[in-house]
Amino acid sequence: MFTTVDTVVPVPLHKSKLRLRGFNQSELVAKGLANGLGCTLDSHTVHRVKKTPTQTRKNRMERWQNVAQIFEATTNQLAGKHVLLVDDVITTGATLESCGQALLQAGVSKLSIACLAIA
């Protein structure tokens, strides 16, 4: 399944969260996967355009509402490609769903998902 991946995309952090933390843990995982798969890493096409509160204390419905339409693909350079979307942890899948929708709207032809843990 991952042998046809063209590009690996990490779930992006909001720029303020990235400044505070200093790194995006999903990007570090994605970089290793891209290297292992022999494909490109794209950390610049998808952006988190809205700062949202942490998901940690929210119930399932609140998590979905919190991340609805917070991602945007700034170009269509991923159109027609098989993209592997990477996040560190899946709890409800809300973040991946929202980010995945932005990728599909940008013309991605096949979307696969990888994560380190399920909570």
Protein backbone atom coordinates (compact mmCIF):
# COMPACT_ATOMS: atom_id res chain seq x y z
CA MET A 1 0.00 0.00 0.00
CA PHE A 2 2.76 2.51 0.85
CA THR A 3 4.89 1.51 -2.14
CA THR A 4 2.93 3.92 -4.35
CA VAL A 5 3.20 6.95 -2.03
CA ASP A 6 4.48 10.02 -3.87
CA THR A 7 4.65 12.46 -0.97
CA VAL A 8 4.49 12.35 2.83
CA VAL A 9 2.66 15.24 4.52
CA PRO A 10 2.71 15.83 8.29
CA VAL A 11 -0.31 17.31 10.06
CA PRO A 12 0.81 20.91 10.54
CA LEU A 13 0.85 22.87 13.77
CA HIS A 14 -0.41 26.43 13.97
CA LYS A 15 2.53 28.83 13.60
CA SER A 16 2.17 30.07 17.19
CA LYS A 17 2.25 26.49 18.54
CA LEU A 18 5.28 25.73 16.38
CA ARG A 19 7.09 28.80 17.71
CA LEU A 20 6.27 27.80 21.29
CA ARG A 21 7.27 24.14 20.93
CA GLY A 22 10.11 24.63 18.47
CA PHE A 23 9.30 21.53 16.42
CA ASN A 24 6.41 19.58 14.93
CA GLN A 25 6.53 15.99 16.19
CA SER A 26 4.42 14.78 13.26
CA GLU A 27 6.91 16.36 10.85
CA LEU A 28 9.79 14.48 12.48
CA VAL A 29 7.94 11.17 12.04
CA ALA A 30 6.95 12.10 8.48
CA LYS A 31 10.55 12.93 7.60
CA GLY A 32 11.67 9.45 8.69
CA LEU A 33 8.85 7.81 6.75
CA ALA A 34 9.61 9.80 3.59
CA ASN A 35 13.26 8.84 3.86
CA GLY A 36 12.42 5.16 4.39
CA LEU A 37 9.91 5.13 1.54
CA GLY A 38 12.22 7.03 -0.81
CA CYS A 39 9.70 9.76 -1.53
CA THR A 40 9.38 13.48 -0.91
CA LEU A 41 8.35 15.24 2.29
CA ASP A 42 5.97 18.17 1.87
CA SER A 43 5.72 20.32 5.01
CA HIS A 44 4.68 23.51 3.23
CA THR A 45 1.53 22.88 1.17
CA VAL A 46 -0.94 22.33 4.01
CA HIS A 47 -1.36 24.96 6.72
CA ARG A 48 -3.33 25.17 9.92
CA VAL A 49 -5.10 28.48 9.31
CA LYS A 50 -6.94 28.73 12.60
CA LYS A 51 -5.50 28.50 16.10
CA THR A 52 -7.61 26.15 18.19
CA PRO A 53 -7.58 25.13 21.85
CA THR A 54 -5.96 21.81 22.74
CA GLN A 55 -8.02 18.71 22.07
CA THR A 56 -6.92 16.95 25.28
CA ARG A 57 -9.89 17.85 27.48
CA LYS A 58 -12.60 17.73 24.83
CA ASN A 59 -15.18 15.01 24.25
CA ARG A 60 -15.63 13.35 20.87
CA MET A 61 -18.10 15.90 19.46
CA GLU A 62 -16.13 18.88 20.76
CA ARG A 63 -12.98 17.52 19.09
CA TRP A 64 -14.71 17.33 15.69
CA GLN A 65 -16.12 20.84 16.06
CA ASN A 66 -12.76 22.21 17.25
CA VAL A 67 -10.89 21.20 14.10
CA ALA A 68 -13.56 21.62 11.43
CA GLN A 69 -12.14 23.52 8.46
CA ILE A 70 -8.90 24.62 10.14
CA PHE A 71 -6.58 23.33 7.40
CA GLU A 72 -5.92 24.72 3.95
CA ALA A 73 -3.80 23.52 1.05
CA THR A 74 -2.15 26.60 -0.43
CA THR A 75 -1.40 25.11 -3.85
CA ASN A 76 -2.54 22.20 -5.96
CA GLN A 77 0.97 20.76 -6.40
CA LEU A 78 -0.26 17.53 -4.78
CA ALA A 79 -3.03 17.07 -7.37
CA GLY A 80 -3.10 13.56 -8.78
CA LYS A 81 -0.64 12.22 -6.19
CA HIS A 82 -0.79 9.50 -3.56
CA VAL A 83 -0.21 11.29 -0.24
CA LEU A 84 0.63 9.71 3.11
CA LEU A 85 -0.74 11.96 5.85
CA VAL A 86 1.11 11.57 9.16
CA ASP A 87 0.04 12.46 12.70
CA ASP A 88 1.53 11.45 16.02
CA VAL A 89 -1.65 10.25 17.79
CA ILE A 90 -5.17 9.39 16.66
CA THR A 91 -7.87 9.78 19.30
CA THR A 92 -11.11 10.37 17.41
CA GLY A 93 -9.66 10.96 13.94
CA ALA A 94 -11.06 14.49 13.81
CA THR A 95 -7.74 16.20 13.04
CA LEU A 96 -6.84 13.70 10.33
CA GLU A 97 -10.31 13.98 8.81
CA SER A 98 -10.09 17.77 8.65
CA CYS A 99 -6.55 17.80 7.25
CA GLY A 100 -7.38 14.99 4.83
CA GLN A 101 -10.34 16.95 3.49
CA ALA A 102 -8.05 19.89 2.69
CA LEU A 103 -5.73 17.53 0.80
CA LEU A 104 -8.58 15.95 -1.15
CA GLN A 105 -9.93 19.39 -2.04
CA ALA A 106 -6.45 20.18 -3.39
CA GLY A 107 -6.80 17.28 -5.82
CA VAL A 108 -4.95 14.44 -4.07
CA SER A 109 -5.94 11.26 -5.88
CA LYS A 110 -5.20 8.79 -3.08
CA LEU A 111 -4.86 9.51 0.64
CA SER A 112 -3.30 7.13 3.14
CA ILE A 113 -2.78 7.75 6.85
CA ALA A 114 -0.05 6.77 9.32
CA CYS A 115 0.31 7.50 13.02
CA LEU A 116 2.47 6.43 15.96
CA ALA A 117 -0.28 5.73 18.46
CA ILE A 118 -4.00 5.39 18.96
CA ALA A 119 -5.44 6.73 22.19
